[in-house]
Amino acid sequence: MIAPADLVLPCPDPEALREICGWDGFRPATLAASEFPVDVVRFEGSASKPVVISRSKRAETLKAMPASLRSRADEAFARSARRPARLRMARGRHLDFEAGPVVMGILNVTPDSFSDGGLHFERGRASARALEMFEEGAAIVDVGGESTRPANYGEARPLSSDEEISRVVPVIEQIRAKTDAPLSIDTRKAAVAKAALEAGADVVNDVTAGRFDAGIFETISRSRAGAILMHMRGTDPRTMQDDLQYGHLVGEIASFLADAARRAEEAGVPSEAIAVDPGLGFGKAPEDNLVLLRHLAAFRSLGLPVAAGASRKGFIRRFSGVPENASADDRLPGSLAAIGAAAAGGAVILRVHDVADSVRYLRMMGAIARTTGSVVTAGSAAR
C-alpha cells in the first residue's frame, strides 16, 4: 500500500540543512560539526514542524518524540533505506536494479521533439536505433510518438490517439520482431498505451501521471504492465511552464507522486509495478531542477523506484555554459553530471539520449564506489 509522503531529507552539512529548513520557514538549532550528517523528517499534512535528527543520535531522538510521529518517522526512515530491487513489467518480467541504476534509452518517433526530432521518424531507422541502444547497454528503450517539448522550443502539435498509434506501434512491432528486450511506451493516452502494450511494450511512461486520461491506469492494470508516473504542471506540455511557483518544491512534488501512485494502486496497479519521476524540466524553473537533483534522495522516502530524465534539457545547456543553438554533443558533459547526481541521489532509472556514454559513465561510477584493493602505484601494470 502506498504510504504518505513523509520525507527523509539527508543533510550532509549545515548549508544543506539551512536550505531545507528554509523551505518550511524555520531556523534549526545550531549543531556542532560532529552532529553531521543529519536528516530532516517532514510529516505530510501535519501541523508539526519538521524534525532535525542527527544520525548518531537517531534512536534517542526518535524515542523522545510523540508516539504517533515516532511511528511515522520510523516508517519514513525504513522506506528511505529500502533499495527497490526491481520493477514488475508486463508478461511476468521485471526490470532489475540489483546491479545499480539502469539506463532507459530515449527513442522519439517524432518530427518535432526538442533535441532529436526527425532523426528517428522513419520506422526502419527508429527500430535500428532501438537495437543499437540495447547493444550500447540500455536496459530498456522508451518509445514516444508525441513531442512533450516546452513552448520555448516551438509549440508542439498535439496528436490524436490514432495518429500517435500509427507512429509508435509499427516501430514497437519491428523492434519486437528482433528482440525481447524491455520496451516502454511514452504516452499520456490510454488508447495509445493499450495498442503499444498489445504490440509488445512492457511499461507505460506517463508524463501526466494519469491525470490526462484516467483510463490509463486500468489499461496498465489489465496488461499487468509497469508504470512510471511523472510530475508535471497541468496535463499539457505547451502550458506546463506557465506557473512555476511552489510553496515547498520537494514536498509538493512528493505529495503529487504519492497521490498518483495511490490512484494507480486503487485502479489495480500493484506498488511493485510503479516507479515515480519528479519531472525535471516539466513545469520547473531552471534553478528548481538543480534543487531536485541536489535533494533527489528525499523521493526514496516514497518507497518506490525513482526515475529521472535530465538528458539534453534546457537547464543543462544553461548551467553548463553552452549557447542556445549548441549541438547535442555540447550538452553531453552537463547531461552526464546530472546523471551522476541523480544516481547518487538514488534514482534507479535514468532516461537518456546518449546511451553509450551514459552507460560507460555509470559503470565507472560504480567501479569507483565498489572496487577495493591495493592502490596502483607508479610502475604498476596499466589496467
Protein backbone atom coordinates (compact mmCIF):
# COMPACT_ATOMS: atom_id res chain seq x y z
CA MET A 1 0.00 0.00 0.00
CA ILE A 2 1.33 3.44 -0.95
CA ALA A 3 2.49 5.38 2.13
CA PRO A 4 2.00 9.09 2.86
CA ALA A 5 4.67 11.43 1.54
CA ASP A 6 6.52 11.77 4.84
CA LEU A 7 10.03 12.66 3.75
CA VAL A 8 13.54 11.99 5.00
CA LEU A 9 15.82 14.70 3.58
CA PRO A 10 19.51 13.92 4.10
CA CYS A 11 21.74 16.86 5.09
CA PRO A 12 25.48 16.30 4.88
CA ASP A 13 26.40 19.79 6.11
CA PRO A 14 24.99 22.98 7.69
CA GLU A 15 24.45 24.64 4.30
CA ALA A 16 22.14 21.86 3.13
CA LEU A 17 20.30 21.96 6.45
CA ARG A 18 19.69 25.71 6.19
CA GLU A 19 18.37 25.31 2.65
CA ILE A 20 15.93 22.54 3.59
CA CYS A 21 14.69 24.22 6.77
CA GLY A 22 14.23 27.46 4.85
CA TRP A 23 11.56 25.82 2.71
CA ASP A 24 9.39 25.40 5.80
CA GLY A 25 10.35 28.77 7.24
CA PHE A 26 12.14 27.74 10.42
CA ARG A 27 15.69 28.02 11.70
CA PRO A 28 17.22 24.85 13.10
CA ALA A 29 19.13 24.85 16.35
CA THR A 30 22.85 25.32 15.96
CA LEU A 31 24.51 21.94 15.63
CA ALA A 32 28.14 21.02 16.23
CA ALA A 33 30.09 19.74 13.26
CA SER A 34 30.29 16.34 14.97
CA GLU A 35 26.49 16.01 14.76
CA PHE A 36 26.50 15.93 10.96
CA PRO A 37 25.29 14.29 8.83
CA VAL A 38 21.70 14.86 9.92
CA ASP A 39 18.29 14.13 8.42
CA VAL A 40 15.24 16.36 8.30
CA VAL A 41 12.00 14.42 8.70
CA ARG A 42 8.99 16.21 7.22
CA PHE A 43 5.48 14.96 8.01
CA GLU A 44 2.95 15.39 5.20
CA GLY A 45 -0.16 17.28 6.25
CA SER A 46 0.99 17.66 9.86
CA ALA A 47 0.97 20.83 11.92
CA SER A 48 4.20 19.65 13.50
CA LYS A 49 7.27 21.29 12.07
CA PRO A 50 9.98 19.08 10.55
CA VAL A 51 12.36 17.37 12.95
CA VAL A 52 16.13 17.55 12.60
CA ILE A 53 17.77 14.28 13.65
CA SER A 54 21.50 13.64 13.91
CA ARG A 55 22.24 10.16 12.59
CA SER A 56 24.50 9.49 15.54
CA LYS A 57 21.59 10.22 17.91
CA ARG A 58 18.66 8.90 15.88
CA ALA A 59 17.49 6.28 18.38
CA GLU A 60 17.36 8.63 21.35
CA THR A 61 15.79 11.46 19.33
CA LEU A 62 13.04 9.19 17.99
CA LYS A 63 12.39 7.80 21.48
CA ALA A 64 11.69 11.33 22.75
CA MET A 65 9.12 12.08 20.03
CA PRO A 66 5.33 11.64 20.46
CA ALA A 67 4.34 8.07 19.62
CA SER A 68 2.34 8.97 16.50
CA LEU A 69 5.17 10.98 14.95
CA ARG A 70 7.77 8.43 16.06
CA SER A 71 5.90 5.72 14.19
CA ARG A 72 5.67 7.82 11.04
CA ALA A 73 9.35 8.77 11.26
CA ASP A 74 10.38 5.13 11.73
CA GLU A 75 8.38 4.14 8.66
CA ALA A 76 9.83 7.00 6.59
CA PHE A 77 13.37 6.00 7.56
CA ALA A 78 12.62 2.38 6.66
CA ARG A 79 11.27 3.35 3.23
CA SER A 80 14.18 5.70 2.59
CA ALA A 81 16.70 2.97 3.40
CA ARG A 82 14.99 0.43 1.17
CA ARG A 83 16.51 -0.09 -2.27
CA PRO A 84 13.82 -1.39 -4.65
CA ALA A 85 15.34 -4.39 -6.40
CA ARG A 86 13.11 -4.41 -9.47
CA LEU A 87 10.06 -3.07 -11.27
CA ARG A 88 7.40 -5.52 -12.38
CA MET A 89 6.59 -5.34 -16.08
CA ALA A 90 4.15 -6.99 -18.48
CA ARG A 91 4.42 -10.67 -19.37
CA GLY A 92 5.64 -11.57 -15.89
CA ARG A 93 9.01 -9.92 -16.36
CA HIS A 94 10.97 -7.45 -14.24
CA LEU A 95 13.37 -4.56 -14.74
CA ASP A 96 16.26 -5.40 -12.40
CA PHE A 97 18.11 -2.80 -10.29
CA GLU A 98 20.20 -5.22 -8.22
CA ALA A 99 23.41 -4.22 -10.02
CA GLY A 100 22.66 -0.50 -9.77
CA PRO A 101 20.86 2.14 -11.83
CA VAL A 102 19.77 1.21 -15.34
CA VAL A 103 19.70 3.32 -18.49
CA MET A 104 16.48 3.93 -20.38
CA GLY A 105 17.22 4.94 -23.96
CA ILE A 106 15.02 7.64 -25.49
CA LEU A 107 13.53 6.88 -28.91
CA ASN A 108 11.46 9.79 -30.19
CA VAL A 109 9.44 8.74 -33.22
CA THR A 110 8.56 12.37 -33.86
CA PRO A 111 9.40 15.17 -36.27
CA ASP A 112 9.36 17.84 -33.57
CA SER A 113 10.99 16.72 -30.29
CA PHE A 114 13.26 19.41 -28.88
CA SER A 115 16.57 17.55 -29.19
CA ASP A 116 16.26 14.84 -31.79
CA GLY A 117 13.02 15.50 -33.65
CA GLY A 118 13.03 13.82 -37.06
CA LEU A 119 16.14 11.72 -36.51
CA HIS A 120 14.16 8.51 -36.00
CA PHE A 121 10.81 9.42 -37.52
CA GLU A 122 11.15 6.79 -40.23
CA ARG A 123 10.21 3.45 -38.65
CA GLY A 124 13.13 1.43 -40.05
CA ARG A 125 15.62 3.95 -38.71
CA ALA A 126 13.77 4.04 -35.37
CA SER A 127 13.84 0.27 -34.87
CA ALA A 128 17.51 0.14 -35.88
CA ARG A 129 18.33 2.82 -33.31
CA ALA A 130 16.48 0.89 -30.59
CA LEU A 131 18.53 -2.22 -31.32
CA GLU A 132 21.68 -0.11 -31.29
CA MET A 133 20.79 1.30 -27.87
CA PHE A 134 20.36 -2.20 -26.47
CA GLU A 135 23.78 -3.08 -27.87
CA GLU A 136 25.18 0.03 -26.14
CA GLY A 137 23.87 -1.15 -22.78
CA ALA A 138 20.35 0.25 -22.42
CA ALA A 139 18.23 -1.91 -20.11
CA ILE A 140 15.01 -0.55 -21.63
CA VAL A 141 14.08 1.71 -24.55
CA ASP A 142 11.31 4.30 -24.23
CA VAL A 143 9.33 4.82 -27.46
CA GLY A 144 7.41 8.09 -27.79
CA GLY A 145 5.31 9.40 -30.66
CA GLU A 146 4.14 12.77 -29.35
CA SER A 147 6.53 15.60 -28.51
CA THR A 148 6.35 16.97 -24.97
CA ARG A 149 8.84 19.75 -25.60
CA PRO A 150 8.21 23.06 -23.77
CA ALA A 151 6.83 26.01 -25.73
CA ASN A 152 10.19 27.84 -25.80
CA TYR A 153 11.35 25.27 -28.37
CA GLY A 154 8.30 26.00 -30.52
CA GLU A 155 4.78 24.81 -29.79
CA ALA A 156 4.43 21.05 -30.22
CA ARG A 157 1.40 19.86 -32.15
CA PRO A 158 -0.97 17.67 -30.10
CA LEU A 159 -1.85 14.36 -31.73
CA SER A 160 -4.97 12.24 -31.86
CA SER A 161 -4.66 8.75 -30.41
CA ASP A 162 -4.90 7.26 -33.90
CA GLU A 163 -2.02 9.36 -35.24
CA GLU A 164 0.14 8.59 -32.23
CA ILE A 165 -0.62 4.87 -32.57
CA SER A 166 0.31 4.98 -36.25
CA ARG A 167 3.73 6.31 -35.26
CA VAL A 168 4.66 4.04 -32.38
CA VAL A 169 3.00 0.65 -32.93
CA PRO A 170 4.81 -0.24 -36.19
CA VAL A 171 8.12 0.66 -34.55
CA ILE A 172 7.39 -1.46 -31.47
CA GLU A 173 6.36 -4.35 -33.72
CA GLN A 174 9.57 -4.08 -35.71
CA ILE A 175 11.69 -3.99 -32.56
CA ARG A 176 9.77 -6.94 -31.10
CA ALA A 177 10.44 -8.97 -34.24
CA LYS A 178 14.15 -8.78 -33.44
CA THR A 179 14.47 -8.64 -29.65
CA ASP A 180 12.57 -9.40 -26.47
CA ALA A 181 14.40 -6.67 -24.53
CA PRO A 182 12.18 -4.38 -22.40
CA LEU A 183 10.28 -1.53 -24.07
CA SER A 184 8.39 1.39 -22.60
CA ILE A 185 5.70 3.48 -24.29
CA ASP A 186 5.89 7.20 -23.53
CA THR A 187 2.26 8.35 -23.73
CA ARG A 188 -0.47 10.06 -21.75
CA LYS A 189 -3.34 8.37 -23.65
CA ALA A 190 -4.97 5.09 -22.62
CA ALA A 191 -5.75 4.07 -26.21
CA VAL A 192 -2.11 4.51 -27.23
CA ALA A 193 -0.91 2.64 -24.15
CA LYS A 194 -3.27 -0.25 -24.91
CA ALA A 195 -2.16 -0.52 -28.54
CA ALA A 196 1.52 -0.30 -27.58
CA LEU A 197 1.20 -2.93 -24.85
CA GLU A 198 -0.58 -5.26 -27.26
CA ALA A 199 2.26 -4.71 -29.74
CA GLY A 200 4.82 -5.75 -27.13
CA ALA A 201 5.61 -2.84 -24.79
CA ASP A 202 6.21 -3.70 -21.12
CA VAL A 203 5.92 -0.36 -19.28
CA VAL A 204 3.84 2.80 -19.65
CA ASN A 205 5.69 6.07 -19.01
CA ASP A 206 3.03 8.77 -18.44
CA VAL A 207 4.28 12.34 -18.06
CA THR A 208 0.91 13.36 -16.55
CA ALA A 209 0.75 10.50 -14.01
CA GLY A 210 -2.75 9.52 -15.11
CA ARG A 211 -4.30 12.98 -14.99
CA PHE A 212 -4.69 13.49 -18.76
CA ASP A 213 -6.51 10.18 -19.22
CA ALA A 214 -7.62 8.42 -16.04
CA GLY A 215 -8.32 5.26 -18.05
CA ILE A 216 -4.61 4.68 -18.50
CA PHE A 217 -4.33 3.07 -15.05
CA GLU A 218 -6.98 0.45 -15.89
CA THR A 219 -5.14 -0.25 -19.15
CA ILE A 220 -1.87 -0.77 -17.27
CA SER A 221 -3.59 -2.96 -14.69
CA ARG A 222 -5.25 -5.20 -17.28
CA SER A 223 -1.93 -5.74 -19.07
CA ARG A 224 -0.08 -6.28 -15.78
CA ALA A 225 2.42 -3.73 -17.10
CA GLY A 226 4.78 -1.42 -15.26
CA ALA A 227 4.06 2.27 -14.78
CA ILE A 228 6.35 5.28 -14.50
CA LEU A 229 4.41 8.25 -13.10
CA MET A 230 5.91 11.69 -13.61
CA HIS A 231 5.22 15.09 -12.09
CA MET A 232 4.42 18.00 -14.35
CA ARG A 233 2.36 21.16 -14.04
CA GLY A 234 -1.01 20.59 -15.71
CA THR A 235 -1.52 18.00 -18.42
CA ASP A 236 -0.39 19.97 -21.49
CA PRO A 237 3.32 20.41 -22.21
CA ARG A 238 2.50 23.61 -24.12
CA THR A 239 1.40 25.32 -20.89
CA MET A 240 3.41 23.47 -18.23
CA GLN A 241 5.85 26.38 -17.83
CA ASP A 242 3.13 29.00 -17.27
CA ASP A 243 3.06 28.62 -13.46
CA LEU A 244 6.36 27.84 -11.76
CA GLN A 245 5.51 28.85 -8.20
CA TYR A 246 5.86 26.26 -5.42
CA GLY A 247 5.36 26.63 -1.69
CA HIS A 248 7.64 23.67 -0.99
CA LEU A 249 9.13 22.27 -4.19
CA VAL A 250 10.22 18.84 -2.95
CA GLY A 251 7.27 18.36 -0.59
CA GLU A 252 4.64 19.28 -3.19
CA ILE A 253 6.16 17.04 -5.85
CA ALA A 254 6.47 14.14 -3.41
CA SER A 255 2.82 14.54 -2.35
CA PHE A 256 1.76 14.65 -6.00
CA LEU A 257 3.68 11.46 -6.79
CA ALA A 258 2.38 9.62 -3.72
CA ASP A 259 -1.18 10.57 -4.69
CA ALA A 260 -0.61 9.42 -8.28
CA ALA A 261 0.76 6.09 -7.06
CA ARG A 262 -2.25 5.64 -4.76
CA ARG A 263 -4.64 6.31 -7.66
CA ALA A 264 -2.79 3.77 -9.78
CA GLU A 265 -2.90 1.23 -6.98
CA GLU A 266 -6.63 1.80 -6.47
CA ALA A 267 -7.09 1.08 -10.18
CA GLY A 268 -5.35 -2.27 -9.79
CA VAL A 269 -1.69 -1.47 -10.47
CA PRO A 270 0.37 -3.04 -7.64
CA SER A 271 3.03 -0.98 -5.93
CA GLU A 272 5.78 -3.31 -7.20
CA ALA A 273 4.86 -2.20 -10.74
CA ILE A 274 5.07 1.56 -10.01
CA ALA A 275 8.04 3.93 -10.33
CA VAL A 276 7.96 7.71 -9.86
CA ASP A 277 9.73 10.56 -11.61
CA PRO A 278 9.96 14.16 -10.25
CA GLY A 279 9.84 15.51 -13.81
CA LEU A 280 12.99 17.53 -14.35
CA GLY A 281 12.22 20.32 -16.81
CA PHE A 282 8.45 19.79 -16.70
CA GLY A 283 6.89 22.80 -15.03
CA LYS A 284 10.08 23.76 -13.20
CA ALA A 285 12.19 26.93 -13.18
CA PRO A 286 15.82 26.25 -14.21
CA GLU A 287 17.05 26.52 -10.61
CA ASP A 288 14.30 24.15 -9.42
CA ASN A 289 15.87 21.36 -11.43
CA LEU A 290 19.15 21.85 -9.58
CA VAL A 291 17.34 21.73 -6.24
CA LEU A 292 15.63 18.49 -7.23
CA LEU A 293 18.92 16.92 -8.26
CA ARG A 294 20.59 18.02 -5.01
CA HIS A 295 17.78 16.56 -2.92
CA LEU A 296 16.60 13.67 -5.08
CA ALA A 297 17.26 11.30 -2.17
CA ALA A 298 14.12 12.64 -0.49
CA PHE A 299 11.96 10.83 -3.06
CA ARG A 300 13.30 7.48 -1.85
CA SER A 301 11.01 8.08 1.15
CA LEU A 302 8.08 7.10 -1.08
CA GLY A 303 9.39 3.54 -1.09
CA LEU A 304 9.18 3.25 -4.89
CA PRO A 305 11.84 3.13 -7.62
CA VAL A 306 12.80 6.65 -8.70
CA ALA A 307 13.33 7.59 -12.34
CA ALA A 308 14.95 10.78 -13.60
CA GLY A 309 15.45 12.33 -17.03
CA ALA A 310 17.73 15.34 -17.41
CA SER A 311 19.31 14.48 -20.75
CA ARG A 312 19.96 17.49 -23.02
CA LYS A 313 17.29 19.65 -21.34
CA GLY A 314 17.35 23.43 -21.35
CA PHE A 315 18.67 23.77 -17.82
CA ILE A 316 21.59 21.51 -18.79
CA ARG A 317 22.50 23.93 -21.57
CA ARG A 318 22.07 26.96 -19.33
CA PHE A 319 24.11 25.85 -16.34
CA SER A 320 26.86 24.04 -18.23
CA GLY A 321 27.52 27.21 -20.20
CA VAL A 322 26.74 26.28 -23.79
CA PRO A 323 24.77 28.51 -26.20
CA GLU A 324 21.12 28.07 -27.12
CA ASN A 325 22.00 26.64 -30.53
CA ALA A 326 24.55 24.21 -29.11
CA SER A 327 24.67 20.71 -30.57
CA ALA A 328 23.57 17.63 -28.67
CA ASP A 329 27.25 16.74 -28.18
CA ASP A 330 27.82 20.09 -26.45
CA ARG A 331 25.16 19.19 -23.89
CA LEU A 332 26.64 15.78 -23.11
CA PRO A 333 29.02 16.81 -20.27
CA GLY A 334 26.19 18.58 -18.43
CA SER A 335 23.87 15.64 -19.03
CA LEU A 336 26.43 13.24 -17.55
CA ALA A 337 26.87 15.46 -14.49
CA ALA A 338 23.11 15.38 -13.94
CA ILE A 339 23.06 11.60 -14.38
CA GLY A 340 25.75 11.31 -11.73
CA ALA A 341 23.80 13.48 -9.30
CA ALA A 342 20.58 11.56 -9.93
CA ALA A 343 22.27 8.20 -9.44
CA ALA A 344 23.96 9.41 -6.25
CA GLY A 345 20.53 10.53 -5.01
CA GLY A 346 19.07 7.08 -5.52
CA ALA A 347 17.48 7.21 -8.98
CA VAL A 348 17.48 3.71 -10.48
CA ILE A 349 16.06 4.50 -13.94
CA LEU A 350 17.98 7.14 -15.89
CA ARG A 351 16.32 8.30 -19.10
CA VAL A 352 18.94 9.41 -21.65
CA HIS A 353 19.59 10.13 -25.32
CA ASP A 354 23.32 9.29 -25.23
CA VAL A 355 23.17 5.66 -24.18
CA ALA A 356 26.75 4.52 -24.79
CA ASP A 357 28.34 7.46 -22.96
CA SER A 358 25.86 7.25 -20.10
CA VAL A 359 26.37 3.51 -19.61
CA ARG A 360 30.15 3.94 -19.55
CA TYR A 361 29.86 6.83 -17.11
CA LEU A 362 27.68 4.80 -14.73
CA ARG A 363 29.99 1.78 -14.99
CA MET A 364 32.92 3.95 -13.97
CA MET A 365 30.94 5.50 -11.11
CA GLY A 366 30.04 2.01 -9.93
CA ALA A 367 33.62 0.79 -10.18
CA ILE A 368 34.87 3.70 -8.10
CA ALA A 369 32.21 3.10 -5.46
CA ARG A 370 32.66 -0.68 -5.21
CA THR A 371 36.26 -1.57 -6.01
CA THR A 372 38.64 -2.26 -3.13
CA GLY A 373 42.24 -3.43 -3.05
CA SER A 374 45.74 -2.13 -3.36
CA VAL A 375 46.41 1.33 -4.70
CA VAL A 376 48.06 1.24 -8.13
CA THR A 377 51.49 2.86 -7.87
CA ALA A 378 53.89 4.19 -10.49
CA GLY A 379 55.36 1.34 -12.47
CA SER A 380 52.39 -0.96 -11.89
CA ALA A 381 50.88 -2.58 -14.94
CA ALA A 382 48.33 -0.37 -16.64
CA ARG A 383 44.76 -1.53 -16.39
